[in-house]
Protein backbone atom coordinates (compact mmCIF):
# COMPACT_ATOMS: atom_id res chain seq x y z
CA MET A 1 29.31 -7.71 -7.21
CA THR A 2 25.71 -9.05 -8.79
CA ARG A 3 24.43 -9.75 -5.71
CA GLY A 4 24.92 -5.85 -4.79
CA LYS A 5 23.38 -4.86 -7.92
CA GLN A 6 19.99 -6.60 -7.63
CA LYS A 7 20.09 -5.55 -3.68
CA ILE A 8 20.19 -1.89 -4.77
CA GLU A 9 17.40 -2.03 -7.84
CA ALA A 10 15.15 -4.34 -5.29
CA GLN A 11 15.12 -1.16 -2.82
CA ARG A 12 14.79 0.87 -5.55
CA ARG A 13 11.68 -0.59 -6.68
CA ASN A 14 10.79 -1.33 -2.94
CA ALA A 15 11.09 2.58 -2.72
CA GLU A 16 8.80 3.49 -5.41
CA ARG A 17 5.98 1.05 -4.70
CA ASN A 18 6.09 2.24 -1.13
CA GLN A 19 6.26 6.31 -2.39
CA LYS A 20 2.91 5.33 -4.57
CA ALA A 21 1.01 3.44 -1.27
CA LYS A 22 1.80 6.67 0.85
CA GLY A 23 -0.34 9.30 1.41
CA SER A 24 -3.98 10.43 2.62
CA GLN A 25 -7.55 8.76 1.17
CA LEU A 26 -9.20 11.87 2.60
CA GLU A 27 -9.26 13.67 -1.21
CA ALA A 28 -10.92 10.19 -2.11
CA ARG A 29 -13.35 9.97 0.73
CA VAL A 30 -14.33 13.36 -0.22
CA VAL A 31 -15.38 12.41 -3.40
CA GLY A 32 -17.13 9.56 -2.38
CA LEU A 33 -19.19 11.29 0.14
CA LYS A 34 -21.97 13.26 -2.22
CA VAL A 35 -25.29 13.00 -0.25
CA GLY A 36 -25.78 14.80 3.06
CA CYS A 37 -28.46 14.78 5.80
CA PRO A 38 -29.94 18.10 6.50
CA ILE A 39 -30.61 17.57 9.90
CA CYS A 40 -27.43 16.57 11.10
CA LYS A 41 -25.17 17.10 8.45
CA VAL A 42 -24.07 13.84 8.19
CA GLN A 43 -22.52 12.52 4.85
CA LEU A 44 -23.07 9.30 3.13
CA ALA A 45 -22.05 8.11 -0.40
CA ASN A 46 -25.57 7.54 -1.80
CA HIS A 47 -29.17 8.18 -1.74
CA ASN A 48 -30.06 4.32 -0.69
CA GLN A 49 -27.65 4.97 2.57
CA LEU A 50 -29.43 8.37 3.21
CA VAL A 51 -32.89 6.37 3.59
CA ASP A 52 -31.27 3.85 5.58
CA HIS A 53 -29.69 6.97 8.00
CA TYR A 54 -33.65 8.27 8.10
CA ALA A 55 -35.11 5.25 9.18
CA SER A 56 -32.48 4.47 11.82
CA LYS A 57 -31.77 8.02 13.36
CA HIS A 58 -34.75 10.25 12.12
CA PRO A 59 -37.81 7.81 12.14
CA LYS A 60 -40.04 10.68 12.45
CA GLU A 61 -38.95 12.16 9.59
CA LYS A 62 -39.65 11.66 5.57
CA PRO A 63 -36.18 11.39 3.96
CA PRO A 64 -36.00 13.77 0.76
CA SER A 65 -36.70 12.48 -2.55
CA GLU A 66 -33.65 11.33 -4.72
CA SER A 67 -34.03 13.91 -7.18
CA GLY A 68 -34.13 17.03 -4.10
CA GLY A 69 -31.52 15.53 -2.29
């Protein structure tokens, strides 16, 4: 019955591993998105992305300063 015990242990380990992997990444995403465009309200990760966003989506507008945004 050695193989039966190994099988049960392997199933238990796999269940623990899979349980940790489940879940939503929404909380992590909210933490990562810290900068928002005041014009269209899109959320971005950092100021450099905000500058790139302004260049492509709002070319006539000037992006806010890093300390003010």
